[in-house]
């Protein structure tokens, strides 16, 4: 019996015949790769059922159903079911997180001949994914990413509409491509931010680490970026421009973390100006030798961040009419 996408969907809905269940188990146990794909589809299936945040009663009913299935599997002596015990418990944990966190990103699985998976986020949502090659992708709000269930032997290709941050698993024999309507990015292994929204005015890519080649889709040419550079394509003039950028600021949305290494007050002020759109004025007698190393978390307001820094780099601050004045911390 042939196992296909629809068979797995019926399996997850507990609608398979005994013969189909056995066929699924045989397929999954054929290889570690099959298990990996099965687990990924299972996770997406359970997440995809959460278009509407369930109330406590619905969640409790789902949890009871999952526990009942786990119990049935534990009473079954067949080895083929052994790997499923942990997976269903994991699915229950996912359901719990989704139910209480209010997660409602939209997952759409396309299981036809193209074998593609499409994941989309709505306004105000971000989402983290792990691709078949273990590359990680963070999707910003109103973003759609399409990728295959398994990458081909010679290349890895995904399609983006919106904004995403990528941490690509290195494989010099298998380039990683991000395609979009406006421009494409080719990479061997790197960290970068890519924004290309249909209907937007510009498309841009910022490089944090590694090396990428960016190419326009209408013969605008190709440009290879170095870390700290950004390429911007004007969708009206079709001109591409490369500039130096604060790449960690461009990508801070994906985890709200700002990695700093011996950053002085001038560097910190520059980052905060870009993140919060406020002018920062430094006192002439500010200590230029004090530095900050570590990961700084972006907060809702600039004042929350300044309170964290106040005792670390010994500063005082004052907010006045949309500007921030920073001076040396006065000794008590």
Protein backbone atom coordinates (compact mmCIF):
# COMPACT_ATOMS: atom_id res chain seq x y z
CA UNK A 1 0.00 0.00 0.00
CA UNK A 2 1.33 3.44 -0.98
CA UNK A 3 1.59 6.09 1.73
CA UNK A 4 0.98 9.67 0.63
CA UNK A 5 0.22 13.06 2.16
CA UNK A 6 -3.51 12.41 2.47
CA UNK A 7 -2.77 9.17 4.33
CA UNK A 8 -0.78 11.10 6.94
CA UNK A 9 -3.55 13.67 7.35
CA UNK A 10 -6.06 10.88 7.99
CA UNK A 11 -3.59 9.31 10.42
CA UNK A 12 -3.32 12.54 12.42
CA UNK A 13 -7.13 12.81 12.45
CA UNK A 14 -7.35 9.17 13.64
CA UNK A 15 -9.34 8.21 10.53
CA UNK A 16 -6.98 5.55 9.09
CA UNK A 17 -7.95 1.93 8.61
CA UNK A 18 -5.79 -0.65 10.45
CA UNK A 19 -4.08 -1.42 7.13
CA UNK A 20 -3.27 2.27 6.58
CA UNK A 21 -1.96 2.61 10.13
CA UNK A 22 0.38 -0.30 9.55
CA UNK A 23 1.54 1.19 6.23
CA UNK A 24 2.31 4.52 7.94
CA UNK A 25 4.26 2.76 10.69
CA UNK A 26 6.29 0.75 8.18
CA UNK A 27 7.11 3.89 6.18
CA UNK A 28 8.13 5.89 9.25
CA UNK A 29 10.38 3.12 10.53
CA UNK A 30 12.19 2.71 7.22
CA UNK A 31 14.68 5.50 8.03
CA UNK A 32 15.54 8.37 10.36
CA UNK A 33 14.75 10.74 7.49
CA UNK A 34 11.20 9.40 7.26
CA UNK A 35 10.76 9.86 11.00
CA UNK A 36 12.00 13.43 10.76
CA UNK A 37 9.51 14.26 7.99
CA UNK A 38 6.68 12.57 9.89
CA UNK A 39 7.41 14.55 13.05
CA UNK A 40 7.54 17.81 11.10
CA UNK A 41 4.18 17.15 9.42
CA UNK A 42 2.68 16.16 12.76
CA UNK A 43 3.84 19.40 14.40
CA UNK A 44 2.52 21.49 11.51
CA UNK A 45 -0.78 19.61 11.57
CA UNK A 46 -1.36 20.33 15.25
CA UNK A 47 -0.28 23.94 14.90
CA UNK A 48 -2.47 24.33 11.84
CA UNK A 49 -5.55 23.43 13.86
CA UNK A 50 -5.21 26.59 15.95
CA UNK A 51 -6.68 29.29 13.70
CA UNK A 52 -8.90 30.19 16.63
CA UNK A 53 -7.54 30.27 20.17
CA UNK A 54 -9.43 27.57 22.12
CA UNK A 55 -10.97 28.23 25.48
CA UNK A 56 -10.07 26.15 28.55
CA UNK A 57 -12.89 23.67 27.98
CA UNK A 58 -11.80 22.93 24.39
CA UNK A 59 -8.19 22.57 25.50
CA UNK A 60 -9.11 20.10 28.26
CA UNK A 61 -11.09 18.01 25.79
CA UNK A 62 -8.14 17.92 23.37
CA UNK A 63 -5.82 16.95 26.20
CA UNK A 64 -8.12 14.08 27.25
CA UNK A 65 -8.20 12.78 23.68
CA UNK A 66 -4.41 12.89 23.43
CA UNK A 67 -3.98 11.08 26.76
CA UNK A 68 -6.41 8.41 25.66
CA UNK A 69 -4.44 7.83 22.48
CA UNK A 70 -1.16 7.66 24.39
CA UNK A 71 -2.70 5.05 26.70
CA UNK A 72 -3.89 2.98 23.72
CA UNK A 73 -0.43 3.08 22.18
CA UNK A 74 1.29 2.10 25.44
CA UNK A 75 -0.99 -0.95 25.65
CA UNK A 76 0.07 -1.95 22.13
CA UNK A 77 3.15 -4.22 22.20
CA UNK A 78 4.19 -3.57 18.60
CA UNK A 79 7.63 -1.89 18.36
CA UNK A 80 6.42 0.17 15.43
CA UNK A 81 4.45 2.36 17.83
CA UNK A 82 7.25 2.98 20.32
CA UNK A 83 8.55 6.15 18.72
CA UNK A 84 5.07 7.69 18.75
CA UNK A 85 4.66 7.82 22.51
CA UNK A 86 6.96 10.77 22.99
CA UNK A 87 5.62 12.47 19.87
CA UNK A 88 2.02 12.54 21.05
CA UNK A 89 3.12 13.82 24.45
CA UNK A 90 5.11 16.48 22.61
CA UNK A 91 2.04 17.34 20.55
CA UNK A 92 0.09 17.79 23.79
CA UNK A 93 2.76 20.19 25.01
CA UNK A 94 2.51 22.14 21.76
CA UNK A 95 -1.25 22.31 22.13
CA UNK A 96 -0.86 23.64 25.66
CA UNK A 97 1.55 26.35 24.61
CA UNK A 98 -0.67 27.39 21.73
CA UNK A 99 -3.82 27.41 23.84
CA UNK A 100 -2.40 29.60 26.60
CA UNK A 101 -0.11 31.82 24.52
CA UNK A 102 -2.80 32.74 22.00
CA UNK A 103 -0.74 31.65 19.00
CA UNK A 104 -2.75 32.02 15.79
CA UNK A 105 -0.32 32.08 12.90
CA UNK A 106 -1.77 30.44 9.83
CA UNK A 107 -0.22 27.21 8.56
CA UNK A 108 -1.18 25.85 5.15
CA UNK A 109 0.20 22.50 4.00
CA UNK A 110 0.28 21.86 0.28
CA UNK A 111 0.69 18.15 -0.24
CA UNK A 112 0.20 17.92 -3.98
CA UNK A 113 2.68 17.08 -6.67
CA UNK A 114 4.89 20.07 -5.77
CA UNK A 115 5.41 18.81 -2.19
CA UNK A 116 5.62 22.33 -0.75
CA UNK A 117 4.82 23.76 2.68
CA UNK A 118 3.61 27.34 3.01
CA UNK A 119 3.70 29.20 6.32
CA UNK A 120 2.23 32.67 6.85
CA UNK A 121 2.06 35.14 9.74
CA UNK A 122 -0.58 37.74 10.39
CA UNK A 123 -0.30 41.32 11.68
CA UNK A 124 1.50 41.52 15.00
CA UNK A 125 2.86 37.96 14.78
CA UNK A 126 6.37 36.58 14.39
CA UNK A 127 7.28 32.94 14.03
CA UNK A 128 10.40 30.72 14.13
CA UNK A 129 10.81 27.74 11.79
CA UNK A 130 13.39 25.00 11.31
CA UNK A 131 13.81 24.00 7.67
CA UNK A 132 14.58 20.44 6.44
CA UNK A 133 18.35 21.21 6.46
CA UNK A 134 18.15 22.54 10.05
CA UNK A 135 18.48 26.16 8.93
CA UNK A 136 16.46 28.51 11.15
CA UNK A 137 14.11 31.20 9.88
CA UNK A 138 12.31 33.94 11.81
CA UNK A 139 9.27 35.35 9.99
CA UNK A 140 8.20 38.91 10.68
CA UNK A 141 4.54 39.90 10.62
CA UNK A 142 2.55 39.66 7.35
CA UNK A 143 5.11 37.32 5.83
CA UNK A 144 4.76 34.14 3.78
CA UNK A 145 7.49 31.54 3.32
CA UNK A 146 7.22 28.54 1.00
CA UNK A 147 9.70 25.67 1.17
CA UNK A 148 9.84 21.98 0.15
CA UNK A 149 9.33 19.09 2.51
CA UNK A 150 12.80 17.95 1.45
CA UNK A 151 15.48 19.91 -0.38
CA UNK A 152 16.86 18.60 -3.66
CA UNK A 153 20.32 17.03 -3.83
CA UNK A 154 22.04 20.01 -5.48
CA UNK A 155 20.31 23.08 -4.04
CA UNK A 156 18.15 24.49 -1.26
CA UNK A 157 15.48 26.97 -2.31
CA UNK A 158 12.72 28.82 -0.45
CA UNK A 159 10.37 31.57 -1.56
CA UNK A 160 9.63 34.69 0.51
CA UNK A 161 7.02 37.43 0.47
CA UNK A 162 7.61 39.75 3.42
CA UNK A 163 10.52 39.93 5.86
CA UNK A 164 12.56 37.13 7.40
CA UNK A 165 15.81 36.61 9.29
CA UNK A 166 17.84 33.56 8.26
CA UNK A 167 20.52 31.53 10.01
CA UNK A 168 21.55 29.11 7.28
CA UNK A 169 23.23 25.77 7.91
CA UNK A 170 26.55 25.73 6.06
CA UNK A 171 26.87 23.42 3.07
CA UNK A 172 29.31 24.60 0.40
CA UNK A 173 28.12 21.86 -1.96
CA UNK A 174 24.48 22.86 -1.69
CA UNK A 175 23.82 26.63 -2.03
CA UNK A 176 20.85 28.16 -0.25
CA UNK A 177 18.56 30.40 -2.35
CA UNK A 178 15.84 32.77 -1.18
CA UNK A 179 13.66 33.89 -4.07
CA UNK A 180 11.09 36.68 -4.14
CA UNK A 181 9.17 38.67 -6.70
CA UNK A 182 11.72 41.49 -6.64
CA UNK A 183 15.17 39.99 -5.99
CA UNK A 184 16.95 36.81 -4.95
CA UNK A 185 19.66 35.94 -2.43
CA UNK A 186 22.22 33.13 -2.76
CA UNK A 187 24.19 31.98 0.28
CA UNK A 188 26.43 29.12 1.38
CA UNK A 189 25.98 29.61 5.13
CA UNK A 190 25.28 32.88 6.90
CA UNK A 191 23.03 35.15 8.94
CA UNK A 192 21.06 37.80 7.09
CA UNK A 193 17.83 39.75 7.02
CA UNK A 194 15.79 39.84 3.81
CA UNK A 195 12.76 42.00 3.12
CA UNK A 196 10.83 41.81 -0.13
CA UNK A 197 7.12 42.54 0.08
CA UNK A 198 4.82 42.43 -2.92
CA UNK A 199 3.44 45.93 -3.43
CA UNK A 200 6.28 47.55 -1.45
CA UNK A 201 8.52 50.40 -2.58
CA UNK A 202 11.87 48.72 -1.92
CA UNK A 203 13.44 45.31 -1.39
CA UNK A 204 16.49 44.98 0.83
CA UNK A 205 18.94 42.50 2.32
CA UNK A 206 21.28 43.14 5.27
CA UNK A 207 24.19 40.82 6.05
CA UNK A 208 25.13 40.03 9.66
CA UNK A 209 27.60 37.19 9.10
CA UNK A 210 29.10 35.30 6.14
CA UNK A 211 28.62 36.22 2.49
CA UNK A 212 25.63 36.49 0.18
CA UNK A 213 25.07 37.34 -3.47
CA UNK A 214 21.98 39.44 -4.17
CA UNK A 215 20.48 39.60 -7.65
CA UNK A 216 17.63 41.69 -9.03
CA UNK A 217 14.95 39.88 -11.01
CA UNK A 218 14.81 42.43 -13.87
CA UNK A 219 18.46 42.53 -14.99
CA UNK A 220 19.50 45.05 -12.32
CA UNK A 221 22.70 43.07 -11.83
CA UNK A 222 24.12 41.17 -8.84
CA UNK A 223 26.03 42.35 -5.79
CA UNK A 224 28.02 40.36 -3.23
CA UNK A 225 27.64 41.68 0.30
CA UNK A 226 30.11 41.66 3.18
CA UNK A 227 29.03 41.71 6.85
CA UNK A 228 27.64 45.10 7.84
CA UNK A 229 26.42 45.93 4.33
CA UNK A 230 22.90 46.39 3.01
CA UNK A 231 21.66 46.29 -0.57
CA UNK A 232 18.46 48.15 -1.38
CA UNK A 233 16.51 47.83 -4.62
CA UNK A 234 14.23 50.75 -5.50
CA UNK A 235 11.21 49.13 -7.12
CA UNK A 236 10.30 52.33 -8.97
CA UNK A 237 13.67 53.22 -10.51
CA UNK A 238 14.95 49.58 -10.47
CA UNK A 239 18.28 50.80 -9.13
CA UNK A 240 20.31 48.83 -6.59
CA UNK A 241 22.35 50.63 -3.94
CA UNK A 242 24.83 49.22 -1.41
CA UNK A 243 25.51 50.99 1.87
CA UNK A 244 26.99 50.31 5.29
CA UNK A 245 24.33 49.39 7.82
CA UNK A 246 23.91 48.45 11.43
CA UNK A 247 22.86 44.91 10.57
CA UNK A 248 22.03 43.89 14.14
CA UNK A 249 19.56 46.76 14.28
CA UNK A 250 18.00 45.72 10.96
CA UNK A 251 17.39 42.24 12.37
CA UNK A 252 16.62 43.04 16.02
CA UNK A 253 12.89 42.44 15.44
CA UNK A 254 13.41 38.65 15.21
CA UNK A 255 14.42 38.15 18.85
CA UNK A 256 14.50 41.66 20.42
CA UNK A 257 18.13 41.07 21.45
CA UNK A 258 21.07 43.39 20.80
CA UNK A 259 24.47 41.65 21.04
CA UNK A 260 27.18 44.09 22.15
CA UNK A 261 30.92 43.61 22.45
CA UNK A 262 32.79 46.31 24.38
CA UNK A 263 30.36 48.92 23.11
CA UNK A 264 31.03 52.43 24.40
CA UNK A 265 28.35 55.01 25.10
CA UNK A 266 28.58 56.44 21.58
CA UNK A 267 27.89 53.04 20.00
CA UNK A 268 25.01 52.39 22.38
CA UNK A 269 23.52 55.83 21.73
CA UNK A 270 23.69 55.22 17.97
CA UNK A 271 21.85 51.91 18.29
CA UNK A 272 19.15 53.36 20.54
CA UNK A 273 18.60 56.31 18.19
CA UNK A 274 17.93 53.89 15.32
CA UNK A 275 15.69 51.58 17.33
CA UNK A 276 13.53 54.22 18.99
CA UNK A 277 13.75 57.12 16.51
CA UNK A 278 14.84 59.60 19.16
CA UNK A 279 17.72 62.06 19.25
CA UNK A 280 20.30 61.32 21.93
CA UNK A 281 22.54 64.12 23.14
CA UNK A 282 25.69 63.19 25.07
CA UNK A 283 27.29 65.46 27.64
CA UNK A 284 30.85 66.59 26.68
CA UNK A 285 32.23 65.13 29.92
CA UNK A 286 30.72 61.66 29.39
CA UNK A 287 33.07 58.77 30.20
CA UNK A 288 34.27 57.43 26.85
CA UNK A 289 36.16 54.49 28.37
CA UNK A 290 33.17 52.72 29.94
CA UNK A 291 31.98 49.83 27.77
CA UNK A 292 29.20 47.27 27.79
CA UNK A 293 29.52 43.65 26.66
CA UNK A 294 26.66 41.22 26.58
CA UNK A 295 23.18 40.94 25.16
CA UNK A 296 20.86 43.88 25.69
CA UNK A 297 17.14 43.24 25.39
CA UNK A 298 15.01 45.68 23.46
CA UNK A 299 12.15 47.03 25.61
CA UNK A 300 8.91 48.80 24.86
CA UNK A 301 10.43 52.19 25.67
CA UNK A 302 13.91 53.65 25.51
CA UNK A 303 13.66 54.60 29.18
CA UNK A 304 13.42 50.93 30.20
CA UNK A 305 16.69 50.23 28.38
CA UNK A 306 18.40 53.27 29.88
CA UNK A 307 17.45 52.12 33.36
CA UNK A 308 19.27 48.84 32.72
CA UNK A 309 22.36 50.65 31.43
CA UNK A 310 22.33 53.32 34.12
CA UNK A 311 24.39 51.42 36.66
CA UNK A 312 26.42 49.39 34.17
CA UNK A 313 28.07 52.25 32.30
CA UNK A 314 27.43 54.82 35.03
CA UNK A 315 25.17 57.30 33.28
CA UNK A 316 22.25 59.55 34.15
CA UNK A 317 19.60 60.48 31.61
CA UNK A 318 16.72 62.85 31.10
CA UNK A 319 13.93 62.75 28.51
CA UNK A 320 12.74 66.09 27.20
CA UNK A 321 10.54 66.87 24.18
CA UNK A 322 11.42 63.73 22.25
CA UNK A 323 15.15 63.85 22.96
CA UNK A 324 17.35 62.02 25.46
CA UNK A 325 20.11 63.80 27.34
CA UNK A 326 22.81 61.53 28.76
CA UNK A 327 25.37 62.71 31.31
CA UNK A 328 27.88 61.08 33.72
CA UNK A 329 26.32 59.49 36.77
CA UNK A 330 26.70 61.80 39.76
CA UNK A 331 28.37 60.30 42.80
CA UNK A 332 26.15 60.30 45.86
